[in-house]
Amino acid sequence: MTTIPEMTFTKILEAADRLQLEDQEDLIRILQNRLRDRRRAELIKDVQEAQQEFALGECKPVTPAQLIWQVAQELMADVPPEILEQLPTDGAAQHDHYIYGMPKR
């Protein structure tokens, strides 16, 4: 991803601020369309890569439970151990207590 130096970005924003409102709206629409097209192209590329992996037999089937566990592990990967130690071990069984403050069962 290419980054724009902060000074250049500031100049771009200042130039956009000097545009008439209708031109600013046009600029926003143009940028939104370009962003949508870029995201669509990235998605198409990802799908094509996945299709190629599948065709080569490189895909491993997973169950929904395995997929959810994988996502959970990725989400928790950056949580420091000292924070993990503070989490309740009975969270699922006692969710009403932790969410709503009800007495534990």
C-alpha atoms as a PDB file:
ATOM      1  CA  MET A   1       0.000   0.000   0.000  1.00  0.00           C
ATOM      2  CA  THR A   2       1.377   3.383  -0.963  1.00  0.00           C
ATOM      3  CA  THR A   3       1.306   6.048   1.713  1.00  0.00           C
ATOM      4  CA  ILE A   4       1.115   9.735   0.990  1.00  0.00           C
ATOM      5  CA  PRO A   5       3.396  11.991   3.041  1.00  0.00           C
ATOM      6  CA  GLU A   6       1.379  13.896   5.637  1.00  0.00           C
ATOM      7  CA  MET A   7       2.176  17.270   4.078  1.00  0.00           C
ATOM      8  CA  THR A   8       0.980  16.140   0.651  1.00  0.00           C
ATOM      9  CA  PHE A   9      -2.186  14.653   2.166  1.00  0.00           C
ATOM     10  CA  THR A  10      -2.836  17.943   3.983  1.00  0.00           C
ATOM     11  CA  LYS A  11      -2.422  19.853   0.714  1.00  0.00           C
ATOM     12  CA  ILE A  12      -4.879  17.504  -1.012  1.00  0.00           C
ATOM     13  CA  LEU A  13      -7.448  18.052   1.735  1.00  0.00           C
ATOM     14  CA  GLU A  14      -6.940  21.816   1.616  1.00  0.00           C
ATOM     15  CA  ALA A  15      -7.418  21.788  -2.155  1.00  0.00           C
ATOM     16  CA  ALA A  16     -10.589  19.721  -1.773  1.00  0.00           C
ATOM     17  CA  ASP A  17     -11.878  22.206   0.810  1.00  0.00           C
ATOM     18  CA  ARG A  18     -11.491  25.011  -1.732  1.00  0.00           C
ATOM     19  CA  LEU A  19     -13.763  23.234  -4.224  1.00  0.00           C
ATOM     20  CA  GLN A  20     -17.366  24.263  -4.534  1.00  0.00           C
ATOM     21  CA  LEU A  21     -19.799  21.994  -2.661  1.00  0.00           C
ATOM     22  CA  GLU A  22     -21.063  20.338  -5.836  1.00  0.00           C
ATOM     23  CA  ASP A  23     -17.500  19.570  -6.895  1.00  0.00           C
ATOM     24  CA  GLN A  24     -16.724  18.183  -3.438  1.00  0.00           C
ATOM     25  CA  GLU A  25     -19.750  15.896  -3.745  1.00  0.00           C
ATOM     26  CA  ASP A  26     -18.578  14.791  -7.200  1.00  0.00           C
ATOM     27  CA  LEU A  27     -15.102  14.116  -5.816  1.00  0.00           C
ATOM     28  CA  ILE A  28     -16.568  12.019  -3.011  1.00  0.00           C
ATOM     29  CA  ARG A  29     -18.639   9.997  -5.478  1.00  0.00           C
ATOM     30  CA  ILE A  30     -15.612   9.455  -7.717  1.00  0.00           C
ATOM     31  CA  LEU A  31     -13.490   8.295  -4.760  1.00  0.00           C
ATOM     32  CA  GLN A  32     -16.266   6.019  -3.489  1.00  0.00           C
ATOM     33  CA  ASN A  33     -16.610   4.432  -6.933  1.00  0.00           C
ATOM     34  CA  ARG A  34     -12.853   3.929  -7.224  1.00  0.00           C
ATOM     35  CA  LEU A  35     -12.700   2.426  -3.749  1.00  0.00           C
ATOM     36  CA  ARG A  36     -15.606   0.085  -4.555  1.00  0.00           C
ATOM     37  CA  ASP A  37     -13.891  -0.988  -7.780  1.00  0.00           C
ATOM     38  CA  ARG A  38     -10.569  -1.611  -5.984  1.00  0.00           C
ATOM     39  CA  ARG A  39     -12.268  -3.661  -3.270  1.00  0.00           C
ATOM     40  CA  ARG A  40     -14.161  -5.620  -5.906  1.00  0.00           C
ATOM     41  CA  ALA A  41     -10.904  -6.319  -7.765  1.00  0.00           C
ATOM     42  CA  GLU A  42      -9.255  -7.506  -4.524  1.00  0.00           C
ATOM     43  CA  LEU A  43     -12.202  -9.783  -3.814  1.00  0.00           C
ATOM     44  CA  ILE A  44     -12.082 -11.229  -7.328  1.00  0.00           C
ATOM     45  CA  LYS A  45      -8.345 -11.851  -6.903  1.00  0.00           C
ATOM     46  CA  ASP A  46      -8.936 -13.593  -3.556  1.00  0.00           C
ATOM     47  CA  VAL A  47     -11.656 -15.783  -5.064  1.00  0.00           C
ATOM     48  CA  GLN A  48      -9.450 -16.700  -8.015  1.00  0.00           C
ATOM     49  CA  GLU A  49      -6.597 -17.628  -5.673  1.00  0.00           C
ATOM     50  CA  ALA A  50      -8.960 -19.760  -3.587  1.00  0.00           C
ATOM     51  CA  GLN A  51     -10.271 -21.472  -6.724  1.00  0.00           C
ATOM     52  CA  GLN A  52      -6.709 -22.214  -7.804  1.00  0.00           C
ATOM     53  CA  GLU A  53      -5.842 -23.635  -4.368  1.00  0.00           C
ATOM     54  CA  PHE A  54      -8.961 -25.793  -4.531  1.00  0.00           C
ATOM     55  CA  ALA A  55      -8.111 -26.999  -8.040  1.00  0.00           C
ATOM     56  CA  LEU A  56      -4.616 -27.959  -6.852  1.00  0.00           C
ATOM     57  CA  GLY A  57      -6.064 -29.825  -3.880  1.00  0.00           C
ATOM     58  CA  GLU A  58      -4.487 -27.445  -1.389  1.00  0.00           C
ATOM     59  CA  CYS A  59      -7.719 -26.697   0.473  1.00  0.00           C
ATOM     60  CA  LYS A  60      -8.389 -28.504   3.715  1.00  0.00           C
ATOM     61  CA  PRO A  61     -12.052 -28.947   4.604  1.00  0.00           C
ATOM     62  CA  VAL A  62     -13.009 -27.585   8.014  1.00  0.00           C
ATOM     63  CA  THR A  63     -16.153 -27.815  10.085  1.00  0.00           C
ATOM     64  CA  PRO A  64     -17.971 -24.661  11.202  1.00  0.00           C
ATOM     65  CA  ALA A  65     -16.754 -25.317  14.755  1.00  0.00           C
ATOM     66  CA  GLN A  66     -13.137 -25.470  13.567  1.00  0.00           C
ATOM     67  CA  LEU A  67     -13.576 -22.238  11.616  1.00  0.00           C
ATOM     68  CA  ILE A  68     -15.114 -20.425  14.596  1.00  0.00           C
ATOM     69  CA  TRP A  69     -12.310 -21.666  16.849  1.00  0.00           C
ATOM     70  CA  GLN A  70      -9.711 -20.448  14.325  1.00  0.00           C
ATOM     71  CA  VAL A  71     -11.335 -17.003  14.183  1.00  0.00           C
ATOM     72  CA  ALA A  72     -11.482 -16.845  17.990  1.00  0.00           C
ATOM     73  CA  GLN A  73      -7.804 -17.750  18.244  1.00  0.00           C
ATOM     74  CA  GLU A  74      -6.876 -15.052  15.726  1.00  0.00           C
ATOM     75  CA  LEU A  75      -8.925 -12.456  17.612  1.00  0.00           C
ATOM     76  CA  MET A  76      -7.318 -13.396  20.934  1.00  0.00           C
ATOM     77  CA  ALA A  77      -3.749 -13.689  19.599  1.00  0.00           C
ATOM     78  CA  ASP A  78      -2.730 -10.179  20.652  1.00  0.00           C
ATOM     79  CA  VAL A  79      -4.345 -10.242  24.105  1.00  0.00           C
ATOM     80  CA  PRO A  80      -1.596 -10.199  26.756  1.00  0.00           C
ATOM     81  CA  PRO A  81      -1.460 -13.257  29.063  1.00  0.00           C
ATOM     82  CA  GLU A  82      -2.096 -11.139  32.166  1.00  0.00           C
ATOM     83  CA  ILE A  83      -5.410  -9.992  30.661  1.00  0.00           C
ATOM     84  CA  LEU A  84      -6.378 -13.549  29.711  1.00  0.00           C
ATOM     85  CA  GLU A  85      -5.743 -14.643  33.300  1.00  0.00           C
ATOM     86  CA  GLN A  86      -8.305 -12.091  34.496  1.00  0.00           C
ATOM     87  CA  LEU A  87     -11.105 -13.440  32.290  1.00  0.00           C
ATOM     88  CA  PRO A  88     -13.736 -15.572  34.027  1.00  0.00           C
ATOM     89  CA  THR A  89     -13.537 -19.295  33.367  1.00  0.00           C
ATOM     90  CA  ASP A  90     -17.312 -19.714  33.799  1.00  0.00           C
ATOM     91  CA  GLY A  91     -18.287 -16.954  31.350  1.00  0.00           C
ATOM     92  CA  ALA A  92     -20.620 -19.043  29.210  1.00  0.00           C
ATOM     93  CA  ALA A  93     -22.413 -20.658  32.151  1.00  0.00           C
ATOM     94  CA  GLN A  94     -22.674 -17.391  34.082  1.00  0.00           C
ATOM     95  CA  HIS A  95     -23.185 -14.958  31.183  1.00  0.00           C
ATOM     96  CA  ASP A  96     -26.195 -13.317  32.862  1.00  0.00           C
ATOM     97  CA  HIS A  97     -23.992 -12.443  35.816  1.00  0.00           C
ATOM     98  CA  TYR A  98     -21.182 -10.971  33.695  1.00  0.00           C
ATOM     99  CA  ILE A  99     -23.423  -9.138  31.232  1.00  0.00           C
ATOM    100  CA  TYR A 100     -26.358  -8.023  33.396  1.00  0.00           C
ATOM    101  CA  GLY A 101     -24.940  -8.263  36.929  1.00  0.00           C
ATOM    102  CA  MET A 102     -27.461 -10.902  38.023  1.00  0.00           C
ATOM    103  CA  PRO A 103     -26.510 -13.241  40.879  1.00  0.00           C
ATOM    104  CA  LYS A 104     -24.484 -16.283  39.871  1.00  0.00           C
ATOM    105  CA  ARG A 105     -26.452 -19.532  39.621  1.00  0.00           C
END
